[in-house]
Protein backbone atom coordinates (compact mmCIF):
# COMPACT_ATOMS: atom_id res chain seq x y z
CA MET A 1 3.96 11.64 -124.47
CA THR A 2 0.21 12.25 -124.04
CA PRO A 3 -1.79 10.26 -121.47
CA MET A 4 -3.33 7.98 -124.10
CA ASP A 5 0.11 7.18 -125.50
CA ARG A 6 1.03 5.55 -122.20
CA PRO A 7 0.51 1.93 -121.13
CA ASN A 8 -1.98 0.91 -118.49
CA ILE A 9 -0.29 -0.44 -115.37
CA ILE A 10 -1.45 -3.09 -112.90
CA LEU A 11 0.60 -3.64 -109.75
CA VAL A 12 -0.30 -6.94 -108.07
CA CYS A 13 1.04 -7.01 -104.52
CA VAL A 14 0.64 -10.08 -102.32
CA ASP A 15 1.52 -10.26 -98.65
CA GLU A 16 4.23 -12.54 -97.22
CA MET A 17 5.03 -14.67 -100.29
CA ARG A 18 8.52 -16.16 -100.49
CA ALA A 19 10.47 -15.79 -103.72
CA ASP A 20 10.84 -19.56 -104.07
CA ALA A 21 7.14 -20.38 -103.60
CA MET A 22 6.35 -20.64 -107.31
CA GLY A 23 6.82 -23.37 -109.85
CA ILE A 24 9.09 -21.41 -112.16
CA ALA A 25 11.46 -20.78 -109.22
CA GLY A 26 12.01 -24.53 -108.94
CA ASP A 27 9.49 -25.46 -106.25
CA ASP A 28 7.93 -28.74 -107.35
CA HIS A 29 5.54 -28.75 -104.39
CA ILE A 30 3.36 -25.85 -105.54
CA ASP A 31 1.31 -25.21 -108.69
CA THR A 32 1.40 -21.62 -109.99
CA PRO A 33 0.86 -22.05 -113.74
CA ASN A 34 -0.49 -18.56 -114.38
CA LEU A 35 2.23 -16.76 -112.47
CA ASP A 36 4.76 -18.96 -114.24
CA ASP A 37 3.30 -17.98 -117.61
CA LEU A 38 3.42 -14.31 -116.65
CA ALA A 39 7.09 -14.71 -115.71
CA ARG A 40 7.99 -16.62 -118.89
CA GLY A 41 6.46 -13.83 -120.95
CA GLY A 42 8.23 -11.09 -119.00
CA TYR A 43 11.18 -10.35 -116.76
CA ARG A 44 11.65 -12.32 -113.53
CA PHE A 45 14.07 -10.76 -111.08
CA THR A 46 15.71 -13.64 -109.26
CA ARG A 47 17.53 -11.46 -106.71
CA ALA A 48 14.73 -9.16 -105.60
CA TYR A 49 14.54 -8.15 -101.93
CA SER A 50 12.51 -6.30 -99.37
CA ALA A 51 15.15 -4.29 -97.52
CA THR A 52 12.85 -3.79 -94.50
CA PRO A 53 10.83 -7.02 -94.55
CA THR A 54 7.60 -6.27 -92.71
CA CYS A 55 4.35 -4.84 -94.06
CA VAL A 56 4.56 -1.18 -93.09
CA PRO A 57 8.14 -0.18 -94.03
CA ALA A 58 8.06 -2.40 -97.12
CA ARG A 59 4.97 -0.62 -98.45
CA VAL A 60 6.51 2.75 -97.70
CA ALA A 61 9.43 1.76 -99.95
CA LEU A 62 7.03 0.50 -102.63
CA PHE A 63 4.87 3.65 -102.63
CA THR A 64 7.70 6.20 -102.35
CA GLY A 65 10.56 4.64 -104.32
CA GLN A 66 12.84 5.34 -101.37
CA SER A 67 15.35 3.34 -99.36
CA GLN A 68 14.98 3.05 -95.60
CA GLU A 69 17.84 5.54 -95.25
CA ARG A 70 15.58 8.08 -96.97
CA HIS A 71 12.06 7.12 -95.86
CA GLY A 72 13.22 6.55 -92.28
CA ARG A 73 11.27 3.38 -91.40
CA TYR A 74 13.62 0.77 -89.92
CA GLY A 75 11.07 -1.57 -88.37
CA TYR A 76 7.38 -2.26 -87.81
CA ARG A 77 5.48 0.64 -86.28
CA GLU A 78 1.85 1.58 -86.89
CA GLY A 79 0.28 4.98 -86.46
CA ILE A 80 2.52 7.15 -88.65
CA SER A 81 0.45 9.58 -90.71
CA PHE A 82 1.31 8.49 -94.24
CA PRO A 83 0.07 11.49 -96.25
CA GLU A 84 1.97 13.97 -94.09
CA ALA A 85 5.20 11.99 -93.92
CA TYR A 86 5.17 10.91 -97.59
CA PRO A 87 3.18 13.33 -99.76
CA VAL A 88 4.67 12.09 -103.08
CA THR A 89 3.86 8.50 -104.08
CA LEU A 90 3.90 6.32 -107.16
CA GLN A 91 0.14 6.69 -107.56
CA SER A 92 0.07 10.46 -106.98
CA THR A 93 2.81 10.91 -109.58
CA LEU A 94 0.89 8.83 -112.12
CA ARG A 95 -2.31 10.75 -111.37
CA GLU A 96 -0.55 14.03 -112.08
CA ALA A 97 0.49 12.56 -115.42
CA GLY A 98 -3.13 11.80 -116.34
CA TYR A 99 -3.64 8.29 -114.96
CA GLN A 100 -6.78 7.13 -113.19
CA ALA A 101 -5.45 5.47 -110.02
CA PHE A 102 -7.51 2.87 -108.14
CA GLY A 103 -6.50 0.65 -105.22
CA VAL A 104 -8.17 -2.52 -103.91
CA GLY A 105 -7.21 -4.50 -100.83
CA LYS A 106 -4.39 -4.04 -98.33
CA MET A 107 -2.91 -0.55 -97.91
CA HIS A 108 -1.59 -0.74 -94.30
CA VAL A 109 -1.31 3.03 -93.93
CA PHE A 110 -2.62 5.45 -91.32
CA PRO A 111 -5.13 6.91 -91.06
CA ASP A 112 -6.90 3.91 -92.58
CA ARG A 113 -8.84 5.86 -95.20
CA ALA A 114 -5.84 7.85 -96.44
CA ARG A 115 -5.76 7.47 -100.22
CA CYS A 116 -2.04 8.20 -100.58
CA GLY A 117 -2.56 9.52 -104.10
CA PHE A 118 -5.23 7.11 -105.36
CA ASP A 119 -8.48 8.46 -106.81
CA GLU A 120 -10.34 5.82 -104.81
CA VAL A 121 -9.52 2.90 -102.52
CA LEU A 122 -11.53 -0.15 -101.45
CA LEU A 123 -9.97 -1.59 -98.30
CA HIS A 124 -9.32 -4.98 -96.86
CA ASP A 125 -6.26 -4.72 -94.65
CA GLY A 126 -6.73 -7.96 -92.77
CA PHE A 127 -6.49 -7.96 -89.00
CA LEU A 128 -5.10 -4.55 -88.07
CA HIS A 129 -5.14 -4.66 -84.30
CA THR A 130 -4.88 -0.91 -83.72
CA SER A 131 -7.72 -0.09 -86.11
CA ARG A 132 -9.99 -2.75 -84.68
CA ARG A 133 -9.39 -1.47 -81.16
CA LEU A 134 -10.19 2.09 -82.13
CA SER A 135 -13.37 1.09 -83.96
CA ARG A 136 -14.24 -1.73 -81.53
CA GLY A 137 -14.05 -4.45 -84.13
CA PRO A 138 -14.24 -4.57 -87.92
CA SER A 139 -16.47 -2.01 -89.61
CA ALA A 140 -17.00 -0.36 -92.96
CA MET A 141 -15.14 2.60 -91.53
CA ILE A 142 -11.89 0.67 -91.76
CA ASP A 143 -12.72 -2.26 -94.09
CA ASP A 144 -14.90 -2.40 -97.21
CA TYR A 145 -14.65 -6.18 -97.38
CA VAL A 146 -16.40 -6.64 -94.03
CA GLU A 147 -19.37 -4.59 -95.30
CA PHE A 148 -19.50 -6.88 -98.37
CA LEU A 149 -19.28 -9.99 -96.17
CA ARG A 150 -22.11 -8.87 -93.91
CA ARG A 151 -24.29 -7.88 -96.85
CA GLU A 152 -23.75 -11.14 -98.75
CA THR A 153 -24.20 -13.44 -95.73
CA GLY A 154 -27.07 -11.51 -94.17
CA ASP A 155 -25.22 -11.65 -90.85
CA PRO A 156 -24.70 -8.13 -89.42
CA ARG A 157 -21.94 -9.47 -87.14
CA ALA A 158 -19.99 -11.43 -89.76
CA ASP A 159 -16.23 -11.10 -89.27
CA TYR A 160 -13.31 -12.31 -91.34
CA GLN A 161 -11.74 -13.67 -88.15
CA GLU A 162 -14.56 -15.98 -87.04
CA THR A 163 -12.70 -19.22 -87.70
CA GLY A 164 -10.52 -18.78 -84.63
CA ILE A 165 -7.20 -19.15 -86.43
CA GLY A 166 -4.90 -16.30 -85.60
CA CYS A 167 -3.73 -13.60 -87.97
CA ASN A 168 -0.12 -14.42 -87.08
CA ALA A 169 -0.52 -17.94 -85.75
CA MET A 170 0.96 -21.24 -86.90
CA THR A 171 -2.49 -22.72 -87.37
CA ALA A 172 -4.48 -23.45 -90.50
CA ARG A 173 -7.82 -24.71 -91.71
CA PRO A 174 -9.96 -24.48 -94.87
CA TRP A 175 -12.18 -21.48 -95.62
CA GLU A 176 -15.65 -22.27 -94.25
CA ARG A 177 -17.79 -20.06 -96.49
CA GLU A 178 -18.51 -20.04 -100.20
CA GLU A 179 -15.40 -19.52 -102.30
CA ARG A 180 -16.81 -16.30 -103.79
CA LEU A 181 -16.83 -14.75 -100.30
CA HIS A 182 -13.11 -15.26 -99.68
CA PRO A 183 -11.13 -11.98 -99.40
CA THR A 184 -8.83 -13.12 -102.22
CA ARG A 185 -11.83 -13.40 -104.54
CA TRP A 186 -13.16 -10.06 -103.29
CA VAL A 187 -9.96 -8.21 -104.23
CA ALA A 188 -10.04 -9.75 -107.70
CA ASP A 189 -13.77 -9.14 -108.23
CA GLU A 190 -13.59 -5.49 -107.16
CA SER A 191 -10.55 -4.98 -109.41
CA PHE A 192 -12.43 -6.36 -112.39
CA ARG A 193 -15.40 -4.15 -111.55
CA PHE A 194 -13.06 -1.16 -111.73
CA LEU A 195 -11.87 -2.28 -115.17
CA GLU A 196 -15.50 -2.31 -116.32
CA ARG A 197 -16.18 1.17 -114.88
CA ARG A 198 -12.87 2.93 -115.57
CA ASP A 199 -12.58 6.19 -117.48
CA PRO A 200 -11.79 5.02 -121.06
CA SER A 201 -10.28 8.38 -121.97
CA ARG A 202 -7.37 7.94 -119.56
CA PRO A 203 -4.76 5.24 -118.90
CA PHE A 204 -5.22 3.51 -115.56
CA PHE A 205 -3.06 2.41 -112.64
CA LEU A 206 -4.65 -0.46 -110.71
CA TYR A 207 -3.18 -1.63 -107.40
CA MET A 208 -4.45 -5.16 -106.62
CA SER A 209 -3.25 -5.81 -103.07
CA PHE A 210 -4.02 -9.30 -101.73
CA HIS A 211 -3.83 -9.93 -97.99
CA ARG A 212 -2.95 -13.60 -98.53
CA PRO A 213 -0.82 -15.69 -98.30
CA HIS A 214 -0.31 -13.88 -94.96
CA ALA A 215 -1.99 -15.76 -92.11
CA PRO A 216 -4.70 -16.80 -91.50
CA PHE A 217 -3.87 -19.78 -93.71
CA ASP A 218 -7.35 -20.56 -94.95
CA PRO A 219 -7.61 -21.46 -98.64
CA PRO A 220 -10.81 -22.91 -100.12
CA GLN A 221 -11.51 -26.51 -99.13
CA TRP A 222 -10.38 -28.09 -102.41
CA LEU A 223 -7.00 -26.37 -102.22
CA TRP A 224 -6.61 -27.30 -98.57
CA ASP A 225 -7.29 -30.93 -99.43
CA LYS A 226 -4.88 -30.85 -102.37
CA TYR A 227 -1.91 -29.58 -100.39
CA ARG A 228 -2.65 -31.57 -97.24
CA GLU A 229 -1.96 -34.67 -99.35
CA ARG A 230 1.43 -33.44 -100.56
CA GLU A 231 4.80 -34.20 -99.07
CA PHE A 232 7.09 -31.18 -98.67
CA GLY A 233 10.86 -31.14 -98.68
CA ALA A 234 13.05 -30.78 -95.63
CA ARG A 235 13.33 -27.30 -94.13
CA ALA A 236 16.62 -25.42 -94.16
CA MET A 237 18.44 -25.70 -90.83
CA GLY A 238 21.62 -23.72 -90.27
CA ASP A 239 24.63 -24.89 -88.30
CA TRP A 240 24.33 -21.57 -86.44
CA VAL A 241 20.77 -21.89 -85.11
CA GLY A 242 21.85 -23.16 -81.69
CA GLY A 243 23.52 -19.84 -80.98
CA PHE A 244 20.09 -18.27 -80.52
CA ASP A 245 18.58 -20.92 -78.24
CA GLU A 246 17.95 -18.45 -75.42
CA HIS A 247 15.34 -16.73 -77.60
CA ARG A 248 13.35 -19.82 -78.52
CA ARG A 249 9.63 -20.13 -77.83
CA ASP A 250 9.19 -23.75 -78.80
CA PHE A 251 5.65 -24.73 -79.81
CA GLY A 252 4.21 -21.25 -79.22
CA SER A 253 1.27 -20.67 -81.57
CA GLU A 254 2.59 -17.26 -82.61
CA ALA A 255 6.29 -17.85 -81.98
CA GLU A 256 8.57 -16.36 -84.62
CA PHE A 257 11.45 -18.58 -83.50
CA GLY A 258 10.97 -22.04 -82.03
CA ALA A 259 10.22 -25.64 -82.86
CA GLN A 260 6.79 -26.74 -84.04
CA LYS A 261 5.36 -30.23 -84.34
CA GLU A 262 6.00 -31.55 -87.83
CA SER A 263 2.25 -32.01 -88.30
CA THR A 264 1.76 -28.30 -87.49
CA HIS A 265 4.40 -27.32 -90.01
CA GLN A 266 2.81 -29.54 -92.67
CA GLN A 267 -0.67 -28.08 -92.22
CA VAL A 268 0.65 -24.50 -92.20
CA ARG A 269 2.58 -25.15 -95.40
CA ALA A 270 -0.59 -26.63 -96.94
CA GLY A 271 -2.60 -23.53 -96.04
CA TYR A 272 0.19 -21.25 -97.27
CA TYR A 273 0.63 -22.99 -100.63
CA GLY A 274 -3.12 -23.31 -101.13
CA SER A 275 -3.50 -19.56 -100.53
CA ILE A 276 -0.84 -18.83 -103.15
CA GLU A 277 -2.44 -21.08 -105.76
CA PHE A 278 -5.79 -19.37 -105.13
CA ILE A 279 -4.15 -16.03 -105.96
CA ASP A 280 -2.60 -17.65 -109.03
CA LEU A 281 -6.09 -18.44 -110.31
CA GLN A 282 -7.05 -14.79 -109.97
CA LEU A 283 -4.12 -13.90 -112.25
CA ASN A 284 -5.68 -16.02 -114.96
CA ARG A 285 -8.99 -14.27 -114.41
CA LEU A 286 -7.16 -10.94 -114.67
CA ARG A 287 -5.57 -11.76 -118.01
CA GLU A 288 -8.86 -13.10 -119.38
CA THR A 289 -10.63 -9.91 -118.30
CA LEU A 290 -7.98 -7.74 -119.93
CA SER A 291 -8.21 -9.82 -123.10
CA ASP A 292 -12.01 -9.56 -123.20
CA GLN A 293 -11.77 -5.76 -122.93
CA GLY A 294 -9.01 -5.44 -125.54
CA LEU A 295 -6.53 -4.18 -122.93
CA LEU A 296 -4.03 -7.03 -122.69
CA GLU A 297 -1.50 -5.69 -125.21
CA ASP A 298 -1.52 -2.22 -123.66
CA THR A 299 -1.17 -3.20 -119.99
CA VAL A 300 2.01 -3.69 -117.98
CA ILE A 301 1.56 -6.17 -115.11
CA VAL A 302 3.96 -6.12 -112.17
CA PHE A 303 3.71 -8.94 -109.60
CA LEU A 304 5.53 -8.80 -106.26
CA SER A 305 5.32 -9.40 -102.53
CA ASP A 306 6.06 -6.99 -99.70
CA HIS A 307 8.24 -9.64 -97.97
CA GLY A 308 8.45 -13.39 -97.52
CA ASP A 309 7.83 -15.87 -94.71
CA MET A 310 10.45 -18.09 -93.10
CA MET A 311 7.97 -21.03 -93.13
CA GLY A 312 9.99 -23.01 -90.62
CA ASP A 313 13.44 -22.49 -92.11
CA HIS A 314 15.95 -22.48 -89.22
CA ASP A 315 12.93 -22.97 -86.90
CA MET A 316 11.72 -19.48 -87.82
CA TYR A 317 8.30 -18.29 -88.99
CA ARG A 318 6.85 -15.04 -90.29
CA LYS A 319 9.18 -12.24 -91.38
CA SER A 320 11.37 -9.28 -90.25
CA VAL A 321 14.69 -11.17 -90.33
CA GLY A 322 17.13 -10.67 -93.19
CA TYR A 323 17.39 -14.34 -94.14
CA GLU A 324 16.34 -15.40 -97.64
CA GLY A 325 12.92 -16.81 -96.74
CA SER A 326 11.88 -13.49 -95.20
CA ALA A 327 13.74 -10.88 -97.24
CA ARG A 328 13.81 -12.26 -100.80
CA VAL A 329 10.59 -11.68 -102.75
CA PRO A 330 9.08 -12.63 -106.10
CA LEU A 331 9.23 -9.82 -108.67
CA VAL A 332 7.90 -10.20 -112.21
CA VAL A 333 7.53 -7.35 -114.70
CA HIS A 334 5.39 -8.35 -117.69
CA VAL A 335 5.73 -5.79 -120.48
CA PRO A 336 3.63 -6.26 -123.66
CA PRO A 337 5.69 -6.39 -126.89
CA ARG A 338 4.74 -2.91 -128.12
CA TRP A 339 6.10 -1.32 -124.92
CA ARG A 340 9.20 -3.50 -124.72
CA GLU A 341 11.50 -1.86 -127.27
CA ALA A 342 14.02 -0.48 -124.76
CA TRP A 343 13.86 -3.56 -122.53
CA GLY A 344 15.35 -6.25 -124.77
CA GLU A 345 14.83 -9.98 -124.56
CA ILE A 346 12.48 -11.36 -121.92
CA GLY A 347 13.75 -13.81 -119.31
CA GLU A 348 15.43 -14.00 -115.93
CA VAL A 349 17.32 -10.96 -114.63
CA ASP A 350 19.91 -11.60 -111.92
CA SER A 351 20.73 -8.01 -110.94
CA ILE A 352 19.98 -7.11 -107.30
CA ALA A 353 16.56 -5.45 -107.07
CA GLU A 354 14.55 -3.95 -104.19
CA LEU A 355 10.99 -2.72 -103.66
CA ARG A 356 12.13 0.92 -103.95
CA ASP A 357 13.00 0.17 -107.59
CA VAL A 358 9.39 -0.48 -108.60
CA MET A 359 8.39 3.19 -108.65
CA PRO A 360 11.14 4.42 -111.01
CA THR A 361 10.67 1.31 -113.18
CA VAL A 362 6.94 1.89 -113.58
CA LEU A 363 7.38 5.62 -114.18
CA GLU A 364 9.97 4.96 -116.87
CA LEU A 365 7.59 2.55 -118.61
CA ALA A 366 4.87 5.21 -118.39
CA GLY A 367 7.13 7.95 -119.75
CA VAL A 368 6.69 9.97 -116.53
CA GLU A 369 9.49 11.93 -114.86
CA VAL A 370 10.79 10.37 -111.63
CA PRO A 371 10.50 12.69 -108.56
CA HIS A 372 13.81 14.00 -107.28
CA ASP A 373 13.57 12.35 -103.84
CA VAL A 374 13.34 8.82 -105.26
CA ASP A 375 16.56 6.87 -104.73
CA GLY A 376 15.42 3.57 -106.25
CA MET A 377 16.63 2.75 -109.75
CA SER A 378 14.88 1.56 -112.88
CA LEU A 379 15.11 -2.18 -113.38
CA ARG A 380 15.22 -2.02 -117.17
CA PRO A 381 17.78 -4.63 -118.30
CA GLY A 382 20.92 -2.97 -119.56
CA GLY A 383 20.52 -0.01 -117.22
CA ALA A 384 22.35 0.81 -114.02
CA VAL A 385 22.84 -2.01 -111.49
CA ARG A 386 23.88 -2.02 -107.83
CA ASP A 387 26.78 -4.12 -106.58
CA HIS A 388 25.24 -4.59 -103.13
CA LEU A 389 22.11 -3.88 -101.09
CA HIS A 390 21.78 -2.79 -97.47
CA GLY A 391 18.82 -4.17 -95.56
CA GLU A 392 17.74 -3.95 -91.92
CA HIS A 393 14.95 -4.43 -89.44
CA VAL A 394 14.44 -4.10 -85.70
CA ILE A 395 13.65 -7.65 -84.58
CA GLY A 396 12.37 -9.24 -81.41
CA SER A 397 12.52 -12.94 -82.24
CA LEU A 398 16.32 -13.17 -81.82
CA GLY A 399 16.59 -10.56 -79.10
CA ARG A 400 15.50 -6.94 -79.22
CA GLN A 401 18.09 -5.55 -81.63
CA SER A 402 18.58 -4.30 -85.17
CA MET A 403 19.47 -6.99 -87.69
CA GLN A 404 21.59 -5.35 -90.38
CA TRP A 405 22.61 -7.11 -93.58
CA ILE A 406 24.48 -6.62 -96.83
CA ARG A 407 23.57 -8.62 -99.94
CA SER A 408 26.40 -8.55 -102.47
CA GLU A 409 26.81 -10.40 -105.75
CA ARG A 410 27.66 -13.68 -104.04
CA HIS A 411 27.50 -13.25 -100.27
CA LYS A 412 25.26 -12.07 -97.48
CA TYR A 413 26.75 -10.46 -94.39
CA VAL A 414 24.67 -10.10 -91.21
CA TRP A 415 25.40 -7.98 -88.12
CA PHE A 416 23.30 -7.93 -84.96
CA SER A 417 23.44 -4.57 -83.24
CA GLY A 418 22.73 -5.88 -79.75
CA ASP A 419 25.68 -8.19 -79.25
CA GLY A 420 27.73 -7.50 -82.39
CA ASN A 421 27.37 -11.09 -83.64
CA GLU A 422 28.31 -11.49 -87.31
CA GLN A 423 27.35 -14.04 -89.96
CA LEU A 424 28.56 -14.60 -93.52
CA PHE A 425 26.89 -16.81 -96.11
CA ASP A 426 28.04 -17.81 -99.58
CA LEU A 427 24.67 -17.72 -101.36
CA ALA A 428 26.07 -19.26 -104.54
CA ALA A 429 27.29 -22.38 -102.76
CA ASP A 430 24.78 -22.27 -99.88
CA PRO A 431 21.49 -20.64 -101.01
CA ARG A 432 19.66 -21.97 -97.91
CA GLU A 433 22.07 -20.16 -95.55
CA GLU A 434 22.90 -23.31 -93.62
CA ARG A 435 26.65 -22.73 -93.15
CA ASP A 436 27.93 -19.63 -91.36
CA LEU A 437 31.41 -18.74 -92.62
CA ALA A 438 32.04 -15.80 -90.28
CA GLY A 439 34.31 -17.66 -87.86
CA LEU A 440 36.53 -19.29 -90.49
CA PRO A 441 39.98 -17.70 -91.03
CA GLU A 442 39.88 -18.29 -94.80
CA HIS A 443 36.84 -16.00 -95.07
CA GLU A 444 38.10 -13.15 -92.88
CA GLU A 445 38.95 -10.96 -95.88
CA GLU A 446 35.44 -11.34 -97.31
CA LEU A 447 33.96 -10.69 -93.89
CA ALA A 448 35.99 -7.49 -93.51
CA ARG A 449 34.97 -6.28 -96.98
CA HIS A 450 31.28 -6.66 -96.19
CA ARG A 451 31.71 -5.14 -92.73
CA ALA A 452 33.17 -2.04 -94.40
CA LEU A 453 30.13 -1.83 -96.70
CA LEU A 454 27.83 -1.85 -93.68
CA VAL A 455 29.92 0.78 -91.90
CA ALA A 456 29.54 3.03 -94.94
CA ALA A 457 25.76 2.46 -94.98
CA LEU A 458 25.35 3.26 -91.27
CA GLU A 459 27.81 6.14 -90.97
CA GLY A 460 26.09 9.15 -89.41
CA ARG A 461 22.94 7.31 -88.30
CA GLU A 462 21.46 8.80 -85.15
CA GLU A 463 21.51 5.46 -83.30
CA GLY A 464 25.30 5.64 -83.21
CA PHE A 465 25.89 2.27 -84.86
CA VAL A 466 29.26 3.52 -86.16
CA SER A 467 32.06 5.30 -84.32
CA ASP A 468 35.58 5.98 -85.64
CA GLY A 469 34.90 3.78 -88.63
CA GLU A 470 33.89 0.74 -86.56
CA LEU A 471 30.53 -0.92 -85.85
CA VAL A 472 29.36 -0.31 -82.28
CA ALA A 473 27.18 -2.94 -80.60
CA GLY A 474 24.73 -2.32 -77.77
CA ARG A 475 23.29 0.95 -78.98
CA PRO A 476 19.54 1.60 -78.40
CA VAL A 477 17.47 0.75 -81.46
CA GLN A 478 14.49 2.55 -82.96
CA THR A 479 11.92 1.58 -85.54
CA GLU A 480 11.92 4.95 -87.30
CA ALA A 481 14.03 8.05 -87.71
CA SER A 482 13.37 11.00 -85.40
CA TRP A 483 11.87 13.08 -88.19
CA VAL A 484 9.32 10.31 -88.95
CA ARG A 485 8.23 10.14 -85.30
CA GLU A 486 6.96 13.71 -85.63
CA PHE A 487 4.04 12.30 -87.66
CA THR A 488 2.97 9.67 -85.11
CA ARG A 489 -0.75 9.78 -84.43
CA LEU A 490 -1.31 6.91 -81.98
């Protein structure tokens, strides 16, 4: 297959969007008509997960096509030199096959200007604390959006964080500037500018990486007003939540686990949903732009999130935990008819998918050989499927320990490495994970089966989580494998 016989590919990645925060997923409280249309005209993976649900390890999986067992990132840790640790990426592989590769928005790699295989990158990573400290605040050195903001406002000190709402806080307010200056609009506008300036003799790979709906929750005023007037359904609340009471930080502005005033929860949900709908509007602009340029029928569009947000479920916020709100993500693969021959009928796909699967899926669509160190699998319907998925993350909100989990066809099993606590949920009967079955005798056989799956996944790990075929609690945890730590720069 020659380069011009290959489809163009656009990968739209948003930050911290739950899988259920879209109309087509059954949420009547949010309007996402354009994303819903994209899903109806493509393949929506209803059991897609982020196996390591925070920004850095999730994006490593997305870029490398590797599981955490292979890429070695088990938790959130900045300062790992990405190009040295992971020289082969989705974008570098496509470039070698003749694609022009361009990235706009959030990369969350180090050093900040590492291109990781892209021809060019325009950055807006949001509030990266380490980078801001090293550069003493936002600058064009680490963020192209801030240069745009200062140029357009005429204020040499303009900052995307001037509103005072925290980048991880349970606070929200409307965007105070013109809508065209919002970082969501900037990512879309710069992406469309690339489409106008691309090399027409080559297929392109465009990575549109939106920082929202990650906090700060600051949609344009009209969207803020719209969702502030809406009533939202009751949050999920498990019968097991009281077992973690010692870790609560009730009413803390950046607490990952703890009660919030109901008014706080309502305004955060309004900002979150408004931010998602604003991205949805950019998807319509994207499809109109592709149509205007005669590219729509030759462009594959993949939409996903790096992880979700608990949004108050079980009194939890943000991510990192293995529960559905945090770990399950939206994943839509829209394949134009002429490139769909091997994919079959469009619609919902219920096989278990993970971010590592995006790279081999995209490469298969592009007719490009998958690198040997990729252990994700193509998501083409009718192909190979997994019967379970292992996920994990080092967490602090429920005690400093590793939260390990197995997602099987029907159940989710959770093991906490610090105290050995186990949970078992029947996701078919209890999709909100409100009833823990682990202590019930009638579910002991299912519990043991899933425990054995986790033992197999963790066998030989350097932390020593398994000994003599049994899980071992109380072992020291680490956010990355020893070989990854060799590339630490901070």
